[in-house]
């Protein structure tokens, strides 16, 4: 039952030493990881706002530009500041959108 297997025999020998723990290297690696994460976020935002074809959409999804608050009226029921053109309050609770919950809807109080 001896079979002859022609071919090439490849043999590996693994060697080396195991590293040791060093706090300085740990801090260096953590700092580098945080810096790379922050720069990746910044680069992605810059590309989204200035380069990509739908940059206007990205900008308005990322940032909400507020009106000049000197040109708003304050709702007496919920305290939301509405723009001059709104006749009823458009305020919604925090972390909600107008799609999730109906606006306050309180009528604008006439100036006395």
Foldseek 3Di string as FASTA:
>chain_A
DDDDDDDDDDDDDDDDDDDDDDVVVVVVVVVVVVVVVVVVVVVVLCCLQPPDPVNVVVVVVVDPDDDDQVQWDADPPPRDTHHPVDQFAQDDDPPDDCVRDPGPGHGDDDDD
